[in-house]
Amino acid sequence: TLKKLCVKVSKNADLKSCLDKTLKPGLKIILDSYGVNMTSSAK
C-alpha cells in the first residue's frame, strides 16, 4: 500500500514532475479536493 503511494521523483522535484508520476486515481483525488470534476474518459 505504501509503495503505491510513492512516486519516483527527487526530493527537489517540481510540481509538474510529481503530478506526471502520479497514477490516475491519485490525480482524481487531488482534483476532487479542489472541487474540480473531470470526465471519466479523461486521459
PDB file of all heavy atoms in Angstrom:
ATOM      1  N   THR A   1       0.830  -1.213   0.000  1.00  0.00           N
ATOM      2  CA  THR A   1       0.000   0.000   0.000  1.00  0.00           C
ATOM      3  C   THR A   1       0.859   1.255   0.000  1.00  0.00           C
ATOM      4  O   THR A   1       0.594   2.212  -0.735  1.00  0.00           O
ATOM      5  CB  THR A   1      -0.926   0.025   1.227  1.00  0.00           C
ATOM      6  OG1 THR A   1      -1.720  -1.162   1.247  1.00  0.00           O
ATOM      7  CG2 THR A   1      -1.843   1.233   1.197  1.00  0.00           C
ATOM      8  N   LEU A   2       1.921   1.239   0.805  1.00  0.00           N
ATOM      9  CA  LEU A   2       2.810   2.400   0.857  1.00  0.00           C
ATOM     10  C   LEU A   2       3.544   2.586  -0.462  1.00  0.00           C
ATOM     11  O   LEU A   2       3.741   3.712  -0.920  1.00  0.00           O
ATOM     12  CB  LEU A   2       3.815   2.245   2.002  1.00  0.00           C
ATOM     13  CG  LEU A   2       3.273   2.458   3.415  1.00  0.00           C
ATOM     14  CD1 LEU A   2       4.363   2.220   4.433  1.00  0.00           C
ATOM     15  CD2 LEU A   2       2.723   3.866   3.570  1.00  0.00           C
ATOM     16  N   LYS A   3       3.934   1.486  -1.082  1.00  0.00           N
ATOM     17  CA  LYS A   3       4.650   1.567  -2.356  1.00  0.00           C
ATOM     18  C   LYS A   3       3.790   2.244  -3.419  1.00  0.00           C
ATOM     19  O   LYS A   3       4.281   3.021  -4.242  1.00  0.00           O
ATOM     20  CB  LYS A   3       5.060   0.178  -2.828  1.00  0.00           C
ATOM     21  CG  LYS A   3       6.242  -0.426  -2.087  1.00  0.00           C
ATOM     22  CD  LYS A   3       6.615  -1.769  -2.669  1.00  0.00           C
ATOM     23  CE  LYS A   3       7.816  -2.366  -1.923  1.00  0.00           C
ATOM     24  NZ  LYS A   3       8.195  -3.703  -2.471  1.00  0.00           N
ATOM     25  N   LYS A   4       2.473   1.955  -3.391  1.00  0.00           N
ATOM     26  CA  LYS A   4       1.572   2.536  -4.387  1.00  0.00           C
ATOM     27  C   LYS A   4       1.413   4.043  -4.201  1.00  0.00           C
ATOM     28  O   LYS A   4       1.040   4.759  -5.128  1.00  0.00           O
ATOM     29  CB  LYS A   4       0.207   1.855  -4.302  1.00  0.00           C
ATOM     30  CG  LYS A   4       0.215   0.420  -4.797  1.00  0.00           C
ATOM     31  CD  LYS A   4      -1.176  -0.204  -4.683  1.00  0.00           C
ATOM     32  CE  LYS A   4      -1.169  -1.652  -5.162  1.00  0.00           C
ATOM     33  NZ  LYS A   4      -2.512  -2.268  -5.038  1.00  0.00           N
ATOM     34  N   LEU A   5       1.683   4.516  -2.987  1.00  0.00           N
ATOM     35  CA  LEU A   5       1.572   5.953  -2.719  1.00  0.00           C
ATOM     36  C   LEU A   5       2.800   6.735  -3.173  1.00  0.00           C
ATOM     37  O   LEU A   5       2.766   7.959  -3.242  1.00  0.00           O
ATOM     38  CB  LEU A   5       1.350   6.188  -1.218  1.00  0.00           C
ATOM     39  CG  LEU A   5       0.035   5.674  -0.624  1.00  0.00           C
ATOM     40  CD1 LEU A   5       0.036   5.865   0.893  1.00  0.00           C
ATOM     41  CD2 LEU A   5      -1.156   6.404  -1.234  1.00  0.00           C
ATOM     42  N   CYS A   6       3.873   6.027  -3.463  1.00  0.00           N
ATOM     43  CA  CYS A   6       5.134   6.689  -3.800  1.00  0.00           C
ATOM     44  C   CYS A   6       5.239   7.003  -5.290  1.00  0.00           C
ATOM     45  O   CYS A   6       4.680   6.309  -6.140  1.00  0.00           O
ATOM     46  CB  CYS A   6       6.316   5.815  -3.390  1.00  0.00           C
ATOM     47  SG  CYS A   6       6.479   5.600  -1.617  1.00  0.00           S
ATOM     48  N   VAL A   7       5.951   8.072  -5.595  1.00  0.00           N
ATOM     49  CA  VAL A   7       6.276   8.428  -6.983  1.00  0.00           C
ATOM     50  C   VAL A   7       7.787   8.511  -7.108  1.00  0.00           C
ATOM     51  O   VAL A   7       8.485   8.819  -6.136  1.00  0.00           O
ATOM     52  CB  VAL A   7       5.632   9.777  -7.380  1.00  0.00           C
ATOM     53  CG1 VAL A   7       4.125   9.664  -7.419  1.00  0.00           C
ATOM     54  CG2 VAL A   7       6.053  10.887  -6.425  1.00  0.00           C
ATOM     55  N   LYS A   8       8.290   8.204  -8.287  1.00  0.00           N
ATOM     56  CA  LYS A   8       9.734   8.186  -8.498  1.00  0.00           C
ATOM     57  C   LYS A   8      10.216   9.582  -8.902  1.00  0.00           C
ATOM     58  O   LYS A   8      10.309   9.913 -10.088  1.00  0.00           O
ATOM     59  CB  LYS A   8      10.105   7.168  -9.568  1.00  0.00           C
ATOM     60  CG  LYS A   8       9.835   5.724  -9.138  1.00  0.00           C
ATOM     61  CD  LYS A   8      10.259   4.737 -10.222  1.00  0.00           C
ATOM     62  CE  LYS A   8      10.010   3.298  -9.777  1.00  0.00           C
ATOM     63  NZ  LYS A   8      10.413   2.315 -10.821  1.00  0.00           N
ATOM     64  N   VAL A   9      10.479  10.401  -7.897  1.00  0.00           N
ATOM     65  CA  VAL A   9      10.976  11.760  -8.135  1.00  0.00           C
ATOM     66  C   VAL A   9      12.061  12.065  -7.109  1.00  0.00           C
ATOM     67  O   VAL A   9      12.178  11.382  -6.086  1.00  0.00           O
ATOM     68  CB  VAL A   9       9.850  12.813  -8.022  1.00  0.00           C
ATOM     69  CG1 VAL A   9       8.815  12.631  -9.105  1.00  0.00           C
ATOM     70  CG2 VAL A   9       9.202  12.758  -6.641  1.00  0.00           C
ATOM     71  N   SER A  10      12.835  13.096  -7.392  1.00  0.00           N
ATOM     72  CA  SER A  10      13.855  13.527  -6.435  1.00  0.00           C
ATOM     73  C   SER A  10      13.216  14.407  -5.369  1.00  0.00           C
ATOM     74  O   SER A  10      12.093  14.891  -5.529  1.00  0.00           O
ATOM     75  CB  SER A  10      14.956  14.307  -7.151  1.00  0.00           C
ATOM     76  OG  SER A  10      14.470  15.575  -7.570  1.00  0.00           O
ATOM     77  N   LYS A  11      13.936  14.617  -4.271  1.00  0.00           N
ATOM     78  CA  LYS A  11      13.405  15.442  -3.184  1.00  0.00           C
ATOM     79  C   LYS A  11      13.276  16.910  -3.590  1.00  0.00           C
ATOM     80  O   LYS A  11      12.583  17.678  -2.926  1.00  0.00           O
ATOM     81  CB  LYS A  11      14.301  15.311  -1.949  1.00  0.00           C
ATOM     82  CG  LYS A  11      14.195  13.962  -1.262  1.00  0.00           C
ATOM     83  CD  LYS A  11      14.867  13.942   0.091  1.00  0.00           C
ATOM     84  CE  LYS A  11      16.379  13.992  -0.031  1.00  0.00           C
ATOM     85  NZ  LYS A  11      17.039  13.830   1.293  1.00  0.00           N
ATOM     86  N   ASN A  12      13.925  17.314  -4.677  1.00  0.00           N
ATOM     87  CA  ASN A  12      13.851  18.697  -5.150  1.00  0.00           C
ATOM     88  C   ASN A  12      12.964  18.834  -6.389  1.00  0.00           C
ATOM     89  O   ASN A  12      13.050  19.823  -7.121  1.00  0.00           O
ATOM     90  CB  ASN A  12      15.249  19.224  -5.469  1.00  0.00           C
ATOM     91  CG  ASN A  12      16.130  19.279  -4.240  1.00  0.00           C
ATOM     92  OD1 ASN A  12      15.687  19.703  -3.172  1.00  0.00           O
ATOM     93  ND2 ASN A  12      17.384  18.850  -4.373  1.00  0.00           N
ATOM     94  N   ALA A  13      12.102  17.841  -6.617  1.00  0.00           N
ATOM     95  CA  ALA A  13      11.280  17.824  -7.834  1.00  0.00           C
ATOM     96  C   ALA A  13      10.296  18.990  -7.869  1.00  0.00           C
ATOM     97  O   ALA A  13       9.895  19.527  -6.832  1.00  0.00           O
ATOM     98  CB  ALA A  13      10.522  16.509  -7.916  1.00  0.00           C
ATOM     99  N   ASP A  14       9.908  19.366  -9.097  1.00  0.00           N
ATOM    100  CA  ASP A  14       8.880  20.397  -9.230  1.00  0.00           C
ATOM    101  C   ASP A  14       7.506  19.729  -9.291  1.00  0.00           C
ATOM    102  O   ASP A  14       7.379  18.503  -9.359  1.00  0.00           O
ATOM    103  CB  ASP A  14       9.126  21.272 -10.457  1.00  0.00           C
ATOM    104  CG  ASP A  14       9.148  20.495 -11.769  1.00  0.00           C
ATOM    105  OD1 ASP A  14       8.651  19.352 -11.804  1.00  0.00           O
ATOM    106  OD2 ASP A  14       9.656  21.027 -12.761  1.00  0.00           O
ATOM    107  N   LEU A  15       6.470  20.551  -9.254  1.00  0.00           N
ATOM    108  CA  LEU A  15       5.106  20.044  -9.193  1.00  0.00           C
ATOM    109  C   LEU A  15       4.738  19.239 -10.428  1.00  0.00           C
ATOM    110  O   LEU A  15       4.086  18.186 -10.324  1.00  0.00           O
ATOM    111  CB  LEU A  15       4.131  21.214  -9.014  1.00  0.00           C
ATOM    112  CG  LEU A  15       2.645  20.861  -8.925  1.00  0.00           C
ATOM    113  CD1 LEU A  15       2.368  19.957  -7.731  1.00  0.00           C
ATOM    114  CD2 LEU A  15       1.804  22.144  -8.831  1.00  0.00           C
ATOM    115  N   LYS A  16       5.149  19.707 -11.586  1.00  0.00           N
ATOM    116  CA  LYS A  16       4.805  19.016 -12.830  1.00  0.00           C
ATOM    117  C   LYS A  16       5.364  17.598 -12.833  1.00  0.00           C
ATOM    118  O   LYS A  16       4.669  16.645 -13.223  1.00  0.00           O
ATOM    119  CB  LYS A  16       5.355  19.813 -14.027  1.00  0.00           C
ATOM    120  CG  LYS A  16       4.930  19.275 -15.387  1.00  0.00           C
ATOM    121  CD  LYS A  16       3.440  19.439 -15.589  1.00  0.00           C
ATOM    122  CE  LYS A  16       3.045  19.010 -16.999  1.00  0.00           C
ATOM    123  NZ  LYS A  16       1.598  18.802 -17.112  1.00  0.00           N
ATOM    124  N   SER A  17       6.597  17.434 -12.394  1.00  0.00           N
ATOM    125  CA  SER A  17       7.217  16.105 -12.355  1.00  0.00           C
ATOM    126  C   SER A  17       6.468  15.186 -11.397  1.00  0.00           C
ATOM    127  O   SER A  17       6.219  14.017 -11.703  1.00  0.00           O
ATOM    128  CB  SER A  17       8.685  16.214 -11.930  1.00  0.00           C
ATOM    129  OG  SER A  17       9.418  17.012 -12.825  1.00  0.00           O
ATOM    130  N   CYS A  18       6.086  15.711 -10.245  1.00  0.00           N
ATOM    131  CA  CYS A  18       5.370  14.906  -9.254  1.00  0.00           C
ATOM    132  C   CYS A  18       4.017  14.452  -9.783  1.00  0.00           C
ATOM    133  O   CYS A  18       3.620  13.290  -9.614  1.00  0.00           O
ATOM    134  CB  CYS A  18       5.185  15.699  -7.972  1.00  0.00           C
ATOM    135  SG  CYS A  18       6.721  16.042  -7.072  1.00  0.00           S
ATOM    136  N   LEU A  19       3.300  15.369 -10.425  1.00  0.00           N
ATOM    137  CA  LEU A  19       1.976  15.032 -10.943  1.00  0.00           C
ATOM    138  C   LEU A  19       2.060  14.052 -12.107  1.00  0.00           C
ATOM    139  O   LEU A  19       1.230  13.136 -12.227  1.00  0.00           O
ATOM    140  CB  LEU A  19       1.240  16.301 -11.370  1.00  0.00           C
ATOM    141  CG  LEU A  19       0.832  17.240 -10.236  1.00  0.00           C
ATOM    142  CD1 LEU A  19       0.348  18.572 -10.789  1.00  0.00           C
ATOM    143  CD2 LEU A  19      -0.248  16.616  -9.362  1.00  0.00           C
ATOM    144  N   ASP A  20       3.041  14.239 -12.976  1.00  0.00           N
ATOM    145  CA  ASP A  20       3.195  13.325 -14.121  1.00  0.00           C
ATOM    146  C   ASP A  20       3.496  11.892 -13.671  1.00  0.00           C
ATOM    147  O   ASP A  20       3.185  10.932 -14.376  1.00  0.00           O
ATOM    148  CB  ASP A  20       4.303  13.818 -15.056  1.00  0.00           C
ATOM    149  CG  ASP A  20       3.862  15.016 -15.902  1.00  0.00           C
ATOM    150  OD1 ASP A  20       2.638  15.263 -15.971  1.00  0.00           O
ATOM    151  OD2 ASP A  20       4.731  15.696 -16.480  1.00  0.00           O
ATOM    152  N   LYS A  21       4.101  11.750 -12.495  1.00  0.00           N
ATOM    153  CA  LYS A  21       4.434  10.423 -11.972  1.00  0.00           C
ATOM    154  C   LYS A  21       3.305   9.834 -11.122  1.00  0.00           C
ATOM    155  O   LYS A  21       3.372   8.676 -10.713  1.00  0.00           O
ATOM    156  CB  LYS A  21       5.704  10.503 -11.122  1.00  0.00           C
ATOM    157  CG  LYS A  21       6.967  10.883 -11.899  1.00  0.00           C
ATOM    158  CD  LYS A  21       7.416   9.755 -12.805  1.00  0.00           C
ATOM    159  CE  LYS A  21       8.748  10.100 -13.482  1.00  0.00           C
ATOM    160  NZ  LYS A  21       9.222   9.000 -14.349  1.00  0.00           N
ATOM    161  N   THR A  22       2.277  10.628 -10.853  1.00  0.00           N
ATOM    162  CA  THR A  22       1.157  10.168 -10.025  1.00  0.00           C
ATOM    163  C   THR A  22       0.152   9.396 -10.871  1.00  0.00           C
ATOM    164  O   THR A  22      -0.141   9.778 -12.016  1.00  0.00           O
ATOM    165  CB  THR A  22       0.455  11.371  -9.355  1.00  0.00           C
ATOM    166  OG1 THR A  22       1.405  12.083  -8.546  1.00  0.00           O
ATOM    167  CG2 THR A  22      -0.702  10.923  -8.474  1.00  0.00           C
ATOM    168  N   LEU A  23      -0.389   8.312 -10.320  1.00  0.00           N
ATOM    169  CA  LEU A  23      -1.358   7.494 -11.041  1.00  0.00           C
ATOM    170  C   LEU A  23      -2.702   8.215 -11.137  1.00  0.00           C
ATOM    171  O   LEU A  23      -2.997   9.146 -10.371  1.00  0.00           O
ATOM    172  CB  LEU A  23      -1.541   6.147 -10.328  1.00  0.00           C
ATOM    173  CG  LEU A  23      -0.286   5.267 -10.226  1.00  0.00           C
ATOM    174  CD1 LEU A  23      -0.587   4.008  -9.425  1.00  0.00           C
ATOM    175  CD2 LEU A  23       0.252   4.910 -11.606  1.00  0.00           C
ATOM    176  N   LYS A  24      -3.554   7.795 -12.069  1.00  0.00           N
ATOM    177  CA  LYS A  24      -4.842   8.446 -12.314  1.00  0.00           C
ATOM    178  C   LYS A  24      -5.705   8.575 -11.052  1.00  0.00           C
ATOM    179  O   LYS A  24      -6.259   9.650 -10.794  1.00  0.00           O
ATOM    180  CB  LYS A  24      -5.628   7.704 -13.399  1.00  0.00           C
ATOM    181  CG  LYS A  24      -5.143   7.992 -14.812  1.00  0.00           C
ATOM    182  CD  LYS A  24      -5.988   7.287 -15.856  1.00  0.00           C
ATOM    183  CE  LYS A  24      -7.361   7.909 -15.975  1.00  0.00           C
ATOM    184  NZ  LYS A  24      -8.142   7.349 -17.114  1.00  0.00           N
ATOM    185  N   PRO A  25      -5.840   7.517 -10.241  1.00  0.00           N
ATOM    186  CA  PRO A  25      -6.662   7.666  -9.020  1.00  0.00           C
ATOM    187  C   PRO A  25      -6.154   8.777  -8.105  1.00  0.00           C
ATOM    188  O   PRO A  25      -6.948   9.516  -7.518  1.00  0.00           O
ATOM    189  CB  PRO A  25      -6.543   6.291  -8.348  1.00  0.00           C
ATOM    190  CG  PRO A  25      -6.247   5.344  -9.467  1.00  0.00           C
ATOM    191  CD  PRO A  25      -5.369   6.119 -10.398  1.00  0.00           C
ATOM    192  N   GLY A  26      -4.830   8.897  -7.995  1.00  0.00           N
ATOM    193  CA  GLY A  26      -4.250   9.945  -7.162  1.00  0.00           C
ATOM    194  C   GLY A  26      -4.520  11.329  -7.718  1.00  0.00           C
ATOM    195  O   GLY A  26      -4.794  12.280  -6.966  1.00  0.00           O
ATOM    196  N   LEU A  27      -4.471  11.461  -9.046  1.00  0.00           N
ATOM    197  CA  LEU A  27      -4.748  12.750  -9.681  1.00  0.00           C
ATOM    198  C   LEU A  27      -6.205  13.157  -9.472  1.00  0.00           C
ATOM    199  O   LEU A  27      -6.512  14.332  -9.234  1.00  0.00           O
ATOM    200  CB  LEU A  27      -4.421  12.682 -11.174  1.00  0.00           C
ATOM    201  CG  LEU A  27      -2.942  12.497 -11.534  1.00  0.00           C
ATOM    202  CD1 LEU A  27      -2.790  12.228 -13.024  1.00  0.00           C
ATOM    203  CD2 LEU A  27      -2.137  13.734 -11.143  1.00  0.00           C
ATOM    204  N   LYS A  28      -7.103  12.181  -9.552  1.00  0.00           N
ATOM    205  CA  LYS A  28      -8.524  12.477  -9.353  1.00  0.00           C
ATOM    206  C   LYS A  28      -8.799  12.926  -7.918  1.00  0.00           C
ATOM    207  O   LYS A  28      -9.627  13.800  -7.676  1.00  0.00           O
ATOM    208  CB  LYS A  28      -9.363  11.242  -9.695  1.00  0.00           C
ATOM    209  CG  LYS A  28      -9.431  10.958 -11.196  1.00  0.00           C
ATOM    210  CD  LYS A  28     -10.301   9.741 -11.496  1.00  0.00           C
ATOM    211  CE  LYS A  28     -10.404   9.506 -13.005  1.00  0.00           C
ATOM    212  NZ  LYS A  28     -11.220   8.313 -13.316  1.00  0.00           N
ATOM    213  N   ILE A  29      -8.084  12.325  -6.964  1.00  0.00           N
ATOM    214  CA  ILE A  29      -8.238  12.729  -5.562  1.00  0.00           C
ATOM    215  C   ILE A  29      -7.821  14.186  -5.375  1.00  0.00           C
ATOM    216  O   ILE A  29      -8.488  14.969  -4.691  1.00  0.00           O
ATOM    217  CB  ILE A  29      -7.404  11.807  -4.646  1.00  0.00           C
ATOM    218  CG1 ILE A  29      -8.045  10.415  -4.572  1.00  0.00           C
ATOM    219  CG2 ILE A  29      -7.282  12.400  -3.239  1.00  0.00           C
ATOM    220  CD1 ILE A  29      -7.207   9.397  -3.831  1.00  0.00           C
ATOM    221  N   ILE A  30      -6.713  14.561  -6.004  1.00  0.00           N
ATOM    222  CA  ILE A  30      -6.234  15.948  -5.909  1.00  0.00           C
ATOM    223  C   ILE A  30      -7.257  16.917  -6.510  1.00  0.00           C
ATOM    224  O   ILE A  30      -7.606  17.933  -5.902  1.00  0.00           O
ATOM    225  CB  ILE A  30      -4.868  16.096  -6.606  1.00  0.00           C
ATOM    226  CG1 ILE A  30      -3.794  15.336  -5.822  1.00  0.00           C
ATOM    227  CG2 ILE A  30      -4.481  17.578  -6.733  1.00  0.00           C
ATOM    228  CD1 ILE A  30      -2.456  15.253  -6.524  1.00  0.00           C
ATOM    229  N   LEU A  31      -7.755  16.583  -7.692  1.00  0.00           N
ATOM    230  CA  LEU A  31      -8.728  17.458  -8.347  1.00  0.00           C
ATOM    231  C   LEU A  31     -10.016  17.541  -7.537  1.00  0.00           C
ATOM    232  O   LEU A  31     -10.612  18.620  -7.400  1.00  0.00           O
ATOM    233  CB  LEU A  31      -9.010  16.949  -9.766  1.00  0.00           C
ATOM    234  CG  LEU A  31      -7.860  17.133 -10.762  1.00  0.00           C
ATOM    235  CD1 LEU A  31      -8.134  16.363 -12.041  1.00  0.00           C
ATOM    236  CD2 LEU A  31      -7.657  18.610 -11.084  1.00  0.00           C
ATOM    237  N   ASP A  32     -10.455  16.419  -6.978  1.00  0.00           N
ATOM    238  CA  ASP A  32     -11.680  16.414  -6.166  1.00  0.00           C
ATOM    239  C   ASP A  32     -11.546  17.326  -4.946  1.00  0.00           C
ATOM    240  O   ASP A  32     -12.507  17.981  -4.541  1.00  0.00           O
ATOM    241  CB  ASP A  32     -11.998  14.989  -5.699  1.00  0.00           C
ATOM    242  CG  ASP A  32     -12.558  14.116  -6.815  1.00  0.00           C
ATOM    243  OD1 ASP A  32     -12.954  14.674  -7.852  1.00  0.00           O
ATOM    244  OD2 ASP A  32     -12.581  12.878  -6.659  1.00  0.00           O
ATOM    245  N   SER A  33     -10.346  17.375  -4.367  1.00  0.00           N
ATOM    246  CA  SER A  33     -10.151  18.189  -3.165  1.00  0.00           C
ATOM    247  C   SER A  33     -10.330  19.672  -3.447  1.00  0.00           C
ATOM    248  O   SER A  33     -10.625  20.458  -2.544  1.00  0.00           O
ATOM    249  CB  SER A  33      -8.755  17.941  -2.567  1.00  0.00           C
ATOM    250  OG  SER A  33      -7.746  18.543  -3.351  1.00  0.00           O
ATOM    251  N   TYR A  34     -10.159  20.077  -4.714  1.00  0.00           N
ATOM    252  CA  TYR A  34     -10.347  21.479  -5.105  1.00  0.00           C
ATOM    253  C   TYR A  34     -11.702  21.692  -5.771  1.00  0.00           C
ATOM    254  O   TYR A  34     -11.981  22.765  -6.308  1.00  0.00           O
ATOM    255  CB  TYR A  34      -9.238  21.920  -6.054  1.00  0.00           C
ATOM    256  CG  TYR A  34      -7.888  22.067  -5.386  1.00  0.00           C
ATOM    257  CD1 TYR A  34      -6.927  21.066  -5.499  1.00  0.00           C
ATOM    258  CD2 TYR A  34      -7.570  23.196  -4.649  1.00  0.00           C
ATOM    259  CE1 TYR A  34      -5.681  21.192  -4.900  1.00  0.00           C
ATOM    260  CE2 TYR A  34      -6.335  23.332  -4.034  1.00  0.00           C
ATOM    261  CZ  TYR A  34      -5.395  22.327  -4.166  1.00  0.00           C
ATOM    262  OH  TYR A  34      -4.157  22.460  -3.563  1.00  0.00           O
ATOM    263  N   GLY A  35     -12.529  20.643  -5.764  1.00  0.00           N
ATOM    264  CA  GLY A  35     -13.857  20.770  -6.361  1.00  0.00           C
ATOM    265  C   GLY A  35     -13.856  20.771  -7.866  1.00  0.00           C
ATOM    266  O   GLY A  35     -14.789  21.271  -8.497  1.00  0.00           O
ATOM    267  N   VAL A  36     -12.812  20.201  -8.492  1.00  0.00           N
ATOM    268  CA  VAL A  36     -12.712  20.153  -9.946  1.00  0.00           C
ATOM    269  C   VAL A  36     -13.130  18.767 -10.430  1.00  0.00           C
ATOM    270  O   VAL A  36     -12.558  17.757 -10.020  1.00  0.00           O
ATOM    271  CB  VAL A  36     -11.277  20.451 -10.422  1.00  0.00           C
ATOM    272  CG1 VAL A  36     -11.193  20.340 -11.944  1.00  0.00           C
ATOM    273  CG2 VAL A  36     -10.848  21.831  -9.959  1.00  0.00           C
ATOM    274  N   ASN A  37     -14.127  18.713 -11.287  1.00  0.00           N
ATOM    275  CA  ASN A  37     -14.607  17.446 -11.817  1.00  0.00           C
ATOM    276  C   ASN A  37     -14.147  17.252 -13.253  1.00  0.00           C
ATOM    277  O   ASN A  37     -14.242  18.171 -14.069  1.00  0.00           O
ATOM    278  CB  ASN A  37     -16.141  17.394 -11.768  1.00  0.00           C
ATOM    279  CG  ASN A  37     -16.676  17.451 -10.354  1.00  0.00           C
ATOM    280  OD1 ASN A  37     -16.161  16.771  -9.475  1.00  0.00           O
ATOM    281  ND2 ASN A  37     -17.700  18.269 -10.135  1.00  0.00           N
ATOM    282  N   MET A  38     -13.639  16.067 -13.539  1.00  0.00           N
ATOM    283  CA  MET A  38     -13.215  15.704 -14.890  1.00  0.00           C
ATOM    284  C   MET A  38     -14.024  14.497 -15.341  1.00  0.00           C
ATOM    285  O   MET A  38     -14.464  13.687 -14.517  1.00  0.00           O
ATOM    286  CB  MET A  38     -11.722  15.378 -14.913  1.00  0.00           C
ATOM    287  CG  MET A  38     -10.815  16.530 -14.503  1.00  0.00           C
ATOM    288  SD  MET A  38     -10.663  17.805 -15.776  1.00  0.00           S
ATOM    289  CE  MET A  38      -9.538  16.997 -16.939  1.00  0.00           C
ATOM    290  N   THR A  39     -14.216  14.364 -16.643  1.00  0.00           N
ATOM    291  CA  THR A  39     -14.973  13.225 -17.157  1.00  0.00           C
ATOM    292  C   THR A  39     -14.198  11.937 -16.929  1.00  0.00           C
ATOM    293  O   THR A  39     -12.960  11.935 -16.851  1.00  0.00           O
ATOM    294  CB  THR A  39     -15.231  13.384 -18.665  1.00  0.00           C
ATOM    295  OG1 THR A  39     -13.978  13.428 -19.365  1.00  0.00           O
ATOM    296  CG2 THR A  39     -15.999  14.686 -18.938  1.00  0.00           C
ATOM    297  N   SER A  40     -14.932  10.845 -16.830  1.00  0.00           N
ATOM    298  CA  SER A  40     -14.299   9.548 -16.582  1.00  0.00           C
ATOM    299  C   SER A  40     -13.407   9.129 -17.747  1.00  0.00           C
ATOM    300  O   SER A  40     -12.519   8.292 -17.598  1.00  0.00           O
ATOM    301  CB  SER A  40     -15.368   8.476 -16.340  1.00  0.00           C
ATOM    302  OG  SER A  40     -16.258   8.406 -17.448  1.00  0.00           O
ATOM    303  N   SER A  41     -13.641   9.733 -18.915  1.00  0.00           N
ATOM    304  CA  SER A  41     -12.850   9.371 -20.093  1.00  0.00           C
ATOM    305  C   SER A  41     -11.563  10.197 -20.219  1.00  0.00           C
ATOM    306  O   SER A  41     -10.780   9.988 -21.152  1.00  0.00           O
ATOM    307  CB  SER A  41     -13.695   9.554 -21.363  1.00  0.00           C
ATOM    308  OG  SER A  41     -14.094  10.914 -21.490  1.00  0.00           O
ATOM    309  N   ALA A  42     -11.349  11.136 -19.288  1.00  0.00           N
ATOM    310  CA  ALA A  42     -10.157  11.986 -19.360  1.00  0.00           C
ATOM    311  C   ALA A  42      -8.887  11.152 -19.265  1.00  0.00           C
ATOM    312  O   ALA A  42      -8.790  10.235 -18.448  1.00  0.00           O
ATOM    313  CB  ALA A  42     -10.187  13.016 -18.229  1.00  0.00           C
ATOM    314  N   LYS A  43      -7.927  11.472 -20.106  1.00  0.00           N
ATOM    315  CA  LYS A  43      -6.666  10.729 -20.114  1.00  0.00           C
ATOM    316  C   LYS A  43      -5.782  11.196 -18.954  1.00  0.00           C
ATOM    317  O   LYS A  43      -5.975  12.275 -18.398  1.00  0.00           O
ATOM    318  CB  LYS A  43      -5.946  10.941 -21.436  1.00  0.00           C
ATOM    319  CG  LYS A  43      -6.696  10.372 -22.630  1.00  0.00           C
ATOM    320  CD  LYS A  43      -5.947  10.617 -23.929  1.00  0.00           C
ATOM    321  CE  LYS A  43      -6.711  10.041 -25.125  1.00  0.00           C
ATOM    322  NZ  LYS A  43      -6.020  10.285 -26.403  1.00  0.00           N
TER     323      LYS A  43
END
